[in-house]
Amino acid sequence: MDQDSELARRAAAGDAAAFTALVRAHEAAVRRFLRRLAGEAADDLAQETFLKAWRMAGDYRGDGRYRAWLMRIAWTRFLGAHRAKGRRDAREAAAPPRESRHDPDAAIDLERALAGLGERERAAALLCFGESYSHAEAAAIMALPLGTLKSIVARARAALVETLEA
């Protein structure tokens, strides 16, 4: 049993210290993912994600990575917020952070290209390219069939290449 699984088992039994260790281990990745999807709303969504994870601690079955389970919760929190706020407001808030160590102009171009994608394409691209999740893991996080996720990733890649080459 890996460390996350053991901590998750203990958290499900009500061990707050174990859950705190899980939050510390995965908070940066969850916040980074949400920041790129939701901009300024990311901190609130991350907090909601971890609150929901605590309330649902017993639902984690260990059949995948704990981080992927958290990302699934984060994705559903984002979708709920997105629907509540409206499509237009969510697109304006979806610009990814400017934290590239590479060419700043390239980072800005990439941010604009990502912001131009639809929400599903942007999330799939961020999970597969930015967070290095496998297609199967990203499909599970987004609750999509694997083939659908692969199609979305292919469309996202093509759109990003087209935008960046223009």
N, C-alpha and C. Protein backbone atom coordinates (compact mmCIF):
# COMPACT_ATOMS: atom_id res chain seq x y z
N MET A 1 0.85 -1.17 0.00
CA MET A 1 0.00 0.00 0.00
C MET A 1 0.90 1.24 0.00
N ASP A 2 0.67 2.16 -0.93
CA ASP A 2 1.50 3.36 -0.98
C ASP A 2 1.09 4.35 0.12
N GLN A 3 1.90 5.37 0.29
CA GLN A 3 1.68 6.32 1.38
C GLN A 3 0.34 7.03 1.25
N ASP A 4 -0.03 7.47 0.04
CA ASP A 4 -1.32 8.15 -0.14
C ASP A 4 -2.48 7.24 0.23
N SER A 5 -2.40 5.98 -0.16
CA SER A 5 -3.49 5.05 0.15
C SER A 5 -3.63 4.86 1.65
N GLU A 6 -2.50 4.75 2.33
CA GLU A 6 -2.54 4.59 3.79
C GLU A 6 -3.11 5.85 4.44
N LEU A 7 -2.65 7.02 4.00
CA LEU A 7 -3.18 8.27 4.55
C LEU A 7 -4.67 8.41 4.25
N ALA A 8 -5.08 8.03 3.06
CA ALA A 8 -6.50 8.10 2.68
C ALA A 8 -7.34 7.17 3.55
N ARG A 9 -6.82 5.98 3.82
CA ARG A 9 -7.54 5.04 4.68
C ARG A 9 -7.72 5.63 6.07
N ARG A 10 -6.65 6.24 6.59
CA ARG A 10 -6.72 6.85 7.92
C ARG A 10 -7.65 8.06 7.91
N ALA A 11 -7.61 8.86 6.85
CA ALA A 11 -8.50 10.02 6.74
C ALA A 11 -9.96 9.58 6.71
N ALA A 12 -10.23 8.49 6.01
CA ALA A 12 -11.60 7.98 5.94
C ALA A 12 -12.10 7.57 7.32
N ALA A 13 -11.17 7.19 8.19
CA ALA A 13 -11.54 6.81 9.56
C ALA A 13 -11.63 8.04 10.48
N GLY A 14 -11.43 9.24 9.91
CA GLY A 14 -11.57 10.46 10.69
C GLY A 14 -10.27 11.07 11.18
N ASP A 15 -9.14 10.58 10.72
CA ASP A 15 -7.83 11.08 11.14
C ASP A 15 -7.53 12.39 10.40
N ALA A 16 -7.72 13.53 11.09
CA ALA A 16 -7.51 14.84 10.47
C ALA A 16 -6.05 15.06 10.11
N ALA A 17 -5.14 14.54 10.90
CA ALA A 17 -3.71 14.71 10.60
C ALA A 17 -3.34 14.00 9.30
N ALA A 18 -3.91 12.84 9.06
CA ALA A 18 -3.65 12.12 7.81
C ALA A 18 -4.19 12.91 6.61
N PHE A 19 -5.38 13.47 6.78
CA PHE A 19 -5.94 14.26 5.69
C PHE A 19 -5.11 15.52 5.46
N THR A 20 -4.63 16.13 6.52
CA THR A 20 -3.76 17.30 6.39
C THR A 20 -2.51 16.96 5.58
N ALA A 21 -1.95 15.79 5.82
CA ALA A 21 -0.77 15.36 5.06
C ALA A 21 -1.12 15.18 3.58
N LEU A 22 -2.30 14.66 3.29
CA LEU A 22 -2.73 14.52 1.90
C LEU A 22 -2.91 15.89 1.24
N VAL A 23 -3.49 16.82 1.97
CA VAL A 23 -3.68 18.17 1.43
C VAL A 23 -2.32 18.79 1.12
N ARG A 24 -1.39 18.69 2.04
CA ARG A 24 -0.06 19.26 1.82
C ARG A 24 0.62 18.64 0.61
N ALA A 25 0.43 17.35 0.41
CA ALA A 25 1.08 16.66 -0.70
C ALA A 25 0.50 17.04 -2.06
N HIS A 26 -0.79 17.38 -2.10
CA HIS A 26 -1.45 17.56 -3.39
C HIS A 26 -2.02 18.95 -3.63
N GLU A 27 -1.94 19.82 -2.65
CA GLU A 27 -2.55 21.14 -2.77
C GLU A 27 -1.99 21.94 -3.94
N ALA A 28 -0.70 21.95 -4.12
CA ALA A 28 -0.10 22.76 -5.19
C ALA A 28 -0.60 22.32 -6.57
N ALA A 29 -0.68 21.02 -6.80
CA ALA A 29 -1.14 20.53 -8.11
C ALA A 29 -2.61 20.86 -8.34
N VAL A 30 -3.43 20.72 -7.32
CA VAL A 30 -4.85 21.03 -7.45
C VAL A 30 -5.04 22.52 -7.72
N ARG A 31 -4.33 23.35 -6.95
CA ARG A 31 -4.44 24.80 -7.15
C ARG A 31 -3.94 25.22 -8.53
N ARG A 32 -2.85 24.63 -8.98
CA ARG A 32 -2.30 24.96 -10.30
C ARG A 32 -3.32 24.61 -11.40
N PHE A 33 -3.91 23.45 -11.31
CA PHE A 33 -4.91 23.01 -12.29
C PHE A 33 -6.10 23.98 -12.29
N LEU A 34 -6.60 24.29 -11.10
CA LEU A 34 -7.75 25.18 -11.00
C LEU A 34 -7.42 26.61 -11.41
N ARG A 35 -6.21 27.08 -11.11
CA ARG A 35 -5.81 28.42 -11.51
C ARG A 35 -5.85 28.56 -13.02
N ARG A 36 -5.41 27.52 -13.69
CA ARG A 36 -5.39 27.57 -15.16
C ARG A 36 -6.78 27.45 -15.75
N LEU A 37 -7.68 26.86 -15.02
CA LEU A 37 -9.06 26.75 -15.50
C LEU A 37 -9.91 27.95 -15.09
N ALA A 38 -9.77 28.38 -13.85
CA ALA A 38 -10.72 29.33 -13.28
C ALA A 38 -10.13 30.66 -12.86
N GLY A 39 -8.84 30.86 -13.08
CA GLY A 39 -8.23 32.15 -12.74
C GLY A 39 -8.38 32.49 -11.27
N GLU A 40 -8.95 33.67 -10.99
CA GLU A 40 -9.06 34.18 -9.63
C GLU A 40 -9.94 33.32 -8.73
N ALA A 41 -10.84 32.57 -9.28
CA ALA A 41 -11.73 31.73 -8.49
C ALA A 41 -11.05 30.46 -8.00
N ALA A 42 -9.81 30.23 -8.40
CA ALA A 42 -9.12 28.97 -8.11
C ALA A 42 -8.98 28.70 -6.61
N ASP A 43 -8.64 29.71 -5.83
CA ASP A 43 -8.44 29.47 -4.40
C ASP A 43 -9.72 29.00 -3.73
N ASP A 44 -10.84 29.63 -4.07
CA ASP A 44 -12.12 29.20 -3.50
C ASP A 44 -12.47 27.79 -3.96
N LEU A 45 -12.24 27.51 -5.24
CA LEU A 45 -12.54 26.17 -5.75
C LEU A 45 -11.64 25.11 -5.13
N ALA A 46 -10.37 25.45 -4.89
CA ALA A 46 -9.47 24.50 -4.24
C ALA A 46 -9.94 24.21 -2.83
N GLN A 47 -10.34 25.25 -2.12
CA GLN A 47 -10.85 25.04 -0.77
C GLN A 47 -12.09 24.16 -0.79
N GLU A 48 -13.00 24.42 -1.72
CA GLU A 48 -14.19 23.57 -1.86
C GLU A 48 -13.81 22.14 -2.20
N THR A 49 -12.80 21.99 -3.04
CA THR A 49 -12.33 20.65 -3.43
C THR A 49 -11.88 19.86 -2.20
N PHE A 50 -11.06 20.49 -1.37
CA PHE A 50 -10.54 19.77 -0.20
C PHE A 50 -11.61 19.56 0.86
N LEU A 51 -12.55 20.49 0.99
CA LEU A 51 -13.65 20.27 1.92
C LEU A 51 -14.50 19.07 1.47
N LYS A 52 -14.77 19.02 0.18
CA LYS A 52 -15.55 17.90 -0.35
C LYS A 52 -14.77 16.59 -0.20
N ALA A 53 -13.46 16.64 -0.45
CA ALA A 53 -12.64 15.43 -0.29
C ALA A 53 -12.68 14.95 1.15
N TRP A 54 -12.66 15.86 2.11
CA TRP A 54 -12.74 15.48 3.52
C TRP A 54 -14.10 14.83 3.82
N ARG A 55 -15.17 15.46 3.32
CA ARG A 55 -16.51 14.91 3.56
C ARG A 55 -16.70 13.56 2.87
N MET A 56 -16.01 13.35 1.75
CA MET A 56 -16.16 12.11 0.98
C MET A 56 -14.96 11.18 1.16
N ALA A 57 -14.18 11.37 2.20
CA ALA A 57 -12.94 10.60 2.39
C ALA A 57 -13.17 9.10 2.28
N GLY A 58 -14.29 8.63 2.74
CA GLY A 58 -14.59 7.20 2.68
C GLY A 58 -14.91 6.70 1.28
N ASP A 59 -15.12 7.60 0.33
CA ASP A 59 -15.45 7.19 -1.04
C ASP A 59 -14.23 6.83 -1.87
N TYR A 60 -13.04 7.24 -1.44
CA TYR A 60 -11.83 6.88 -2.20
C TYR A 60 -11.57 5.40 -2.02
N ARG A 61 -11.51 4.69 -3.13
CA ARG A 61 -11.38 3.22 -3.10
C ARG A 61 -9.96 2.73 -3.38
N GLY A 62 -9.06 3.63 -3.76
CA GLY A 62 -7.68 3.22 -4.01
C GLY A 62 -7.46 2.56 -5.35
N ASP A 63 -8.42 2.66 -6.28
CA ASP A 63 -8.25 2.02 -7.58
C ASP A 63 -7.52 2.91 -8.58
N GLY A 64 -7.05 4.05 -8.14
CA GLY A 64 -6.25 4.96 -8.96
C GLY A 64 -5.46 5.86 -8.02
N ARG A 65 -4.71 6.77 -8.60
CA ARG A 65 -3.93 7.67 -7.76
C ARG A 65 -4.86 8.60 -6.98
N TYR A 66 -4.48 8.90 -5.75
CA TYR A 66 -5.26 9.80 -4.92
C TYR A 66 -5.35 11.18 -5.57
N ARG A 67 -4.24 11.63 -6.16
CA ARG A 67 -4.24 12.94 -6.81
C ARG A 67 -5.27 12.98 -7.94
N ALA A 68 -5.40 11.91 -8.68
CA ALA A 68 -6.39 11.87 -9.76
C ALA A 68 -7.80 11.96 -9.19
N TRP A 69 -8.04 11.32 -8.05
CA TRP A 69 -9.34 11.40 -7.38
C TRP A 69 -9.62 12.85 -6.98
N LEU A 70 -8.61 13.54 -6.45
CA LEU A 70 -8.77 14.95 -6.08
C LEU A 70 -9.03 15.81 -7.32
N MET A 71 -8.31 15.53 -8.41
CA MET A 71 -8.50 16.31 -9.63
C MET A 71 -9.92 16.14 -10.17
N ARG A 72 -10.47 14.97 -10.00
CA ARG A 72 -11.85 14.72 -10.42
C ARG A 72 -12.80 15.61 -9.62
N ILE A 73 -12.57 15.69 -8.32
CA ILE A 73 -13.39 16.56 -7.48
C ILE A 73 -13.20 18.01 -7.91
N ALA A 74 -11.95 18.42 -8.15
CA ALA A 74 -11.66 19.79 -8.58
C ALA A 74 -12.38 20.10 -9.89
N TRP A 75 -12.34 19.18 -10.82
CA TRP A 75 -13.00 19.37 -12.11
C TRP A 75 -14.50 19.56 -11.92
N THR A 76 -15.13 18.73 -11.10
CA THR A 76 -16.57 18.87 -10.89
C THR A 76 -16.90 20.16 -10.15
N ARG A 77 -16.03 20.59 -9.24
CA ARG A 77 -16.24 21.89 -8.56
C ARG A 77 -16.14 23.01 -9.58
N PHE A 78 -15.17 22.93 -10.49
CA PHE A 78 -15.04 23.94 -11.53
C PHE A 78 -16.29 23.97 -12.41
N LEU A 79 -16.75 22.81 -12.84
CA LEU A 79 -17.93 22.77 -13.70
C LEU A 79 -19.13 23.39 -13.01
N GLY A 80 -19.31 23.09 -11.74
CA GLY A 80 -20.43 23.68 -10.99
C GLY A 80 -20.32 25.19 -10.92
N ALA A 81 -19.13 25.68 -10.64
CA ALA A 81 -18.92 27.13 -10.57
C ALA A 81 -19.10 27.77 -11.95
N HIS A 82 -18.62 27.07 -12.94
CA HIS A 82 -18.73 27.58 -14.31
C HIS A 82 -20.19 27.73 -14.71
N ARG A 83 -20.98 26.74 -14.41
CA ARG A 83 -22.40 26.80 -14.76
C ARG A 83 -23.11 27.88 -13.97
N ALA A 84 -22.73 28.03 -12.70
CA ALA A 84 -23.40 29.01 -11.85
C ALA A 84 -23.07 30.43 -12.29
N LYS A 85 -21.86 30.65 -12.66
CA LYS A 85 -21.42 32.01 -13.01
C LYS A 85 -21.77 32.40 -14.43
N GLY A 86 -21.85 31.43 -15.29
CA GLY A 86 -22.16 31.73 -16.68
C GLY A 86 -20.94 31.61 -17.56
N ARG A 87 -21.20 31.24 -18.77
CA ARG A 87 -20.13 30.97 -19.72
C ARG A 87 -19.20 32.16 -19.95
N ARG A 88 -19.75 33.32 -20.12
CA ARG A 88 -18.92 34.49 -20.44
C ARG A 88 -17.97 34.85 -19.32
N ASP A 89 -18.45 34.91 -18.11
CA ASP A 89 -17.59 35.25 -16.98
C ASP A 89 -16.50 34.21 -16.78
N ALA A 90 -16.82 32.93 -16.96
CA ALA A 90 -15.83 31.88 -16.76
C ALA A 90 -14.72 31.97 -17.80
N ARG A 91 -15.05 32.30 -19.03
CA ARG A 91 -14.01 32.43 -20.06
C ARG A 91 -13.08 33.59 -19.78
N GLU A 92 -13.60 34.67 -19.26
CA GLU A 92 -12.76 35.82 -18.93
C GLU A 92 -11.81 35.49 -17.78
N ALA A 93 -12.25 34.62 -16.87
CA ALA A 93 -11.43 34.29 -15.70
C ALA A 93 -10.50 33.11 -15.95
N ALA A 94 -10.52 32.53 -17.16
CA ALA A 94 -9.81 31.28 -17.39
C ALA A 94 -8.36 31.43 -17.85
N ALA A 95 -7.82 32.61 -17.90
CA ALA A 95 -6.44 32.78 -18.35
C ALA A 95 -5.49 32.10 -17.37
N PRO A 96 -4.56 31.28 -17.87
CA PRO A 96 -3.61 30.61 -16.99
C PRO A 96 -2.62 31.60 -16.38
N PRO A 97 -2.01 31.22 -15.27
CA PRO A 97 -1.07 32.13 -14.62
C PRO A 97 0.20 32.34 -15.44
N ARG A 98 0.88 33.43 -15.19
CA ARG A 98 2.11 33.75 -15.89
C ARG A 98 3.28 33.30 -15.04
N GLU A 99 3.57 32.02 -15.09
CA GLU A 99 4.66 31.50 -14.26
C GLU A 99 5.69 30.73 -15.07
N SER A 100 5.83 31.06 -16.33
CA SER A 100 6.79 30.37 -17.17
C SER A 100 8.20 30.87 -16.93
N ARG A 101 9.15 29.96 -16.91
CA ARG A 101 10.56 30.34 -16.77
C ARG A 101 11.22 30.48 -18.13
N HIS A 102 10.45 30.23 -19.17
CA HIS A 102 10.97 30.30 -20.53
C HIS A 102 10.70 31.68 -21.10
N ASP A 103 10.77 31.76 -22.39
CA ASP A 103 10.53 33.02 -23.10
C ASP A 103 9.17 33.59 -22.69
N PRO A 104 9.14 34.80 -22.13
CA PRO A 104 7.88 35.37 -21.68
C PRO A 104 6.87 35.55 -22.81
N ASP A 105 7.34 35.87 -24.00
CA ASP A 105 6.43 36.02 -25.13
C ASP A 105 5.78 34.69 -25.49
N ALA A 106 6.55 33.61 -25.42
CA ALA A 106 6.00 32.29 -25.70
C ALA A 106 4.97 31.91 -24.64
N ALA A 107 5.26 32.25 -23.38
CA ALA A 107 4.32 31.95 -22.30
C ALA A 107 3.00 32.70 -22.51
N ILE A 108 3.09 33.95 -22.92
CA ILE A 108 1.88 34.73 -23.18
C ILE A 108 1.11 34.14 -24.34
N ASP A 109 1.83 33.73 -25.39
CA ASP A 109 1.16 33.10 -26.54
C ASP A 109 0.46 31.82 -26.12
N LEU A 110 1.12 31.02 -25.28
CA LEU A 110 0.51 29.78 -24.81
C LEU A 110 -0.71 30.06 -23.96
N GLU A 111 -0.63 31.05 -23.09
CA GLU A 111 -1.78 31.42 -22.26
C GLU A 111 -2.97 31.81 -23.13
N ARG A 112 -2.71 32.61 -24.14
CA ARG A 112 -3.79 33.02 -25.03
C ARG A 112 -4.36 31.84 -25.80
N ALA A 113 -3.48 30.96 -26.25
CA ALA A 113 -3.94 29.78 -26.99
C ALA A 113 -4.81 28.89 -26.09
N LEU A 114 -4.38 28.69 -24.84
CA LEU A 114 -5.17 27.89 -23.90
C LEU A 114 -6.51 28.55 -23.61
N ALA A 115 -6.50 29.86 -23.41
CA ALA A 115 -7.73 30.59 -23.10
C ALA A 115 -8.71 30.52 -24.26
N GLY A 116 -8.20 30.33 -25.48
CA GLY A 116 -9.07 30.23 -26.65
C GLY A 116 -9.75 28.88 -26.81
N LEU A 117 -9.31 27.90 -26.04
CA LEU A 117 -9.93 26.58 -26.12
C LEU A 117 -11.22 26.56 -25.31
N GLY A 118 -12.10 25.64 -25.66
CA GLY A 118 -13.30 25.42 -24.85
C GLY A 118 -12.91 24.81 -23.52
N GLU A 119 -13.82 24.81 -22.57
CA GLU A 119 -13.48 24.34 -21.22
C GLU A 119 -13.01 22.88 -21.20
N ARG A 120 -13.66 22.01 -21.96
CA ARG A 120 -13.24 20.60 -21.95
C ARG A 120 -11.88 20.41 -22.60
N GLU A 121 -11.65 21.10 -23.71
CA GLU A 121 -10.36 20.99 -24.39
C GLU A 121 -9.24 21.55 -23.52
N ARG A 122 -9.50 22.68 -22.87
CA ARG A 122 -8.49 23.30 -22.00
C ARG A 122 -8.16 22.37 -20.82
N ALA A 123 -9.19 21.82 -20.19
CA ALA A 123 -8.95 20.92 -19.05
C ALA A 123 -8.20 19.67 -19.49
N ALA A 124 -8.59 19.09 -20.61
CA ALA A 124 -7.91 17.89 -21.10
C ALA A 124 -6.45 18.19 -21.43
N ALA A 125 -6.21 19.33 -22.08
CA ALA A 125 -4.83 19.71 -22.41
C ALA A 125 -4.02 19.95 -21.15
N LEU A 126 -4.58 20.63 -20.18
CA LEU A 126 -3.86 20.90 -18.94
C LEU A 126 -3.54 19.60 -18.20
N LEU A 127 -4.49 18.69 -18.16
CA LEU A 127 -4.26 17.42 -17.46
C LEU A 127 -3.20 16.57 -18.17
N CYS A 128 -3.33 16.43 -19.49
CA CYS A 128 -2.43 15.54 -20.23
C CYS A 128 -1.07 16.16 -20.52
N PHE A 129 -1.04 17.43 -20.90
CA PHE A 129 0.22 18.05 -21.26
C PHE A 129 0.86 18.76 -20.08
N GLY A 130 0.07 19.46 -19.29
CA GLY A 130 0.61 20.23 -18.19
C GLY A 130 0.87 19.45 -16.92
N GLU A 131 0.00 18.49 -16.63
CA GLU A 131 0.11 17.72 -15.39
C GLU A 131 0.59 16.29 -15.63
N SER A 132 0.79 15.91 -16.87
CA SER A 132 1.32 14.59 -17.27
C SER A 132 0.46 13.41 -16.84
N TYR A 133 -0.85 13.60 -16.81
CA TYR A 133 -1.74 12.46 -16.56
C TYR A 133 -1.86 11.65 -17.84
N SER A 134 -2.04 10.36 -17.69
CA SER A 134 -2.28 9.52 -18.85
C SER A 134 -3.68 9.83 -19.39
N HIS A 135 -3.94 9.40 -20.60
CA HIS A 135 -5.28 9.61 -21.16
C HIS A 135 -6.32 8.92 -20.28
N ALA A 136 -6.01 7.73 -19.80
CA ALA A 136 -6.96 7.00 -18.96
C ALA A 136 -7.25 7.76 -17.66
N GLU A 137 -6.21 8.30 -17.05
CA GLU A 137 -6.41 9.06 -15.80
C GLU A 137 -7.20 10.33 -16.07
N ALA A 138 -6.87 11.04 -17.14
CA ALA A 138 -7.60 12.27 -17.47
C ALA A 138 -9.06 11.95 -17.79
N ALA A 139 -9.31 10.84 -18.47
CA ALA A 139 -10.69 10.44 -18.76
C ALA A 139 -11.45 10.17 -17.47
N ALA A 140 -10.81 9.52 -16.51
CA ALA A 140 -11.46 9.25 -15.22
C ALA A 140 -11.72 10.55 -14.47
N ILE A 141 -10.75 11.46 -14.48
CA ILE A 141 -10.91 12.75 -13.79
C ILE A 141 -12.09 13.52 -14.37
N MET A 142 -12.22 13.51 -15.68
CA MET A 142 -13.26 14.28 -16.35
C MET A 142 -14.55 13.48 -16.56
N ALA A 143 -14.57 12.24 -16.09
CA ALA A 143 -15.75 11.37 -16.22
C ALA A 143 -16.18 11.23 -17.68
N LEU A 144 -15.22 10.92 -18.53
CA LEU A 144 -15.46 10.75 -19.95
C LEU A 144 -14.98 9.37 -20.40
N PRO A 145 -15.58 8.82 -21.44
CA PRO A 145 -15.03 7.61 -22.01
C PRO A 145 -13.62 7.90 -22.56
N LEU A 146 -12.76 6.92 -22.54
CA LEU A 146 -11.38 7.10 -22.97
C LEU A 146 -11.30 7.62 -24.41
N GLY A 147 -12.07 7.07 -25.31
CA GLY A 147 -12.05 7.51 -26.70
C GLY A 147 -12.46 8.97 -26.85
N THR A 148 -13.45 9.37 -26.07
CA THR A 148 -13.89 10.77 -26.11
C THR A 148 -12.78 11.69 -25.64
N LEU A 149 -12.12 11.30 -24.54
CA LEU A 149 -11.02 12.11 -24.02
C LEU A 149 -9.91 12.22 -25.06
N LYS A 150 -9.57 11.11 -25.71
CA LYS A 150 -8.52 11.14 -26.73
C LYS A 150 -8.89 12.07 -27.88
N SER A 151 -10.15 12.07 -28.27
CA SER A 151 -10.60 12.98 -29.33
C SER A 151 -10.48 14.44 -28.88
N ILE A 152 -10.86 14.71 -27.65
CA ILE A 152 -10.78 16.07 -27.12
C ILE A 152 -9.32 16.52 -27.06
N VAL A 153 -8.43 15.64 -26.60
CA VAL A 153 -7.00 15.98 -26.54
C VAL A 153 -6.45 16.24 -27.93
N ALA A 154 -6.85 15.43 -28.89
CA ALA A 154 -6.37 15.63 -30.27
C ALA A 154 -6.84 16.97 -30.82
N ARG A 155 -8.11 17.32 -30.57
CA ARG A 155 -8.62 18.61 -31.03
C ARG A 155 -7.89 19.76 -30.33
N ALA A 156 -7.67 19.60 -29.03
CA ALA A 156 -6.96 20.65 -28.27
C ALA A 156 -5.55 20.84 -28.81
N ARG A 157 -4.85 19.72 -29.05
CA ARG A 157 -3.49 19.79 -29.58
C ARG A 157 -3.48 20.49 -30.93
N ALA A 158 -4.40 20.10 -31.81
CA ALA A 158 -4.46 20.71 -33.14
C ALA A 158 -4.75 22.21 -33.05
N ALA A 159 -5.67 22.58 -32.18
CA ALA A 159 -6.02 24.00 -32.02
C ALA A 159 -4.84 24.78 -31.44
N LEU A 160 -4.14 24.20 -30.48
CA LEU A 160 -2.99 24.87 -29.90
C LEU A 160 -1.88 25.06 -30.93
N VAL A 161 -1.61 24.02 -31.70
CA VAL A 161 -0.57 24.11 -32.72
C VAL A 161 -0.95 25.16 -33.76
N GLU A 162 -2.19 25.14 -34.20
CA GLU A 162 -2.65 26.11 -35.20
C GLU A 162 -2.53 27.54 -34.65
N THR A 163 -2.96 27.75 -33.44
CA THR A 163 -2.90 29.10 -32.84
C THR A 163 -1.47 29.56 -32.64
N LEU A 164 -0.63 28.65 -32.14
CA LEU A 164 0.76 29.03 -31.85
C LEU A 164 1.58 29.23 -33.12
N GLU A 165 1.24 28.53 -34.18
CA GLU A 165 1.97 28.70 -35.43
C GLU A 165 1.54 29.95 -36.19
N ALA A 166 0.35 30.46 -35.88
CA ALA A 166 -0.17 31.63 -36.59
C ALA A 166 0.56 32.90 -36.21
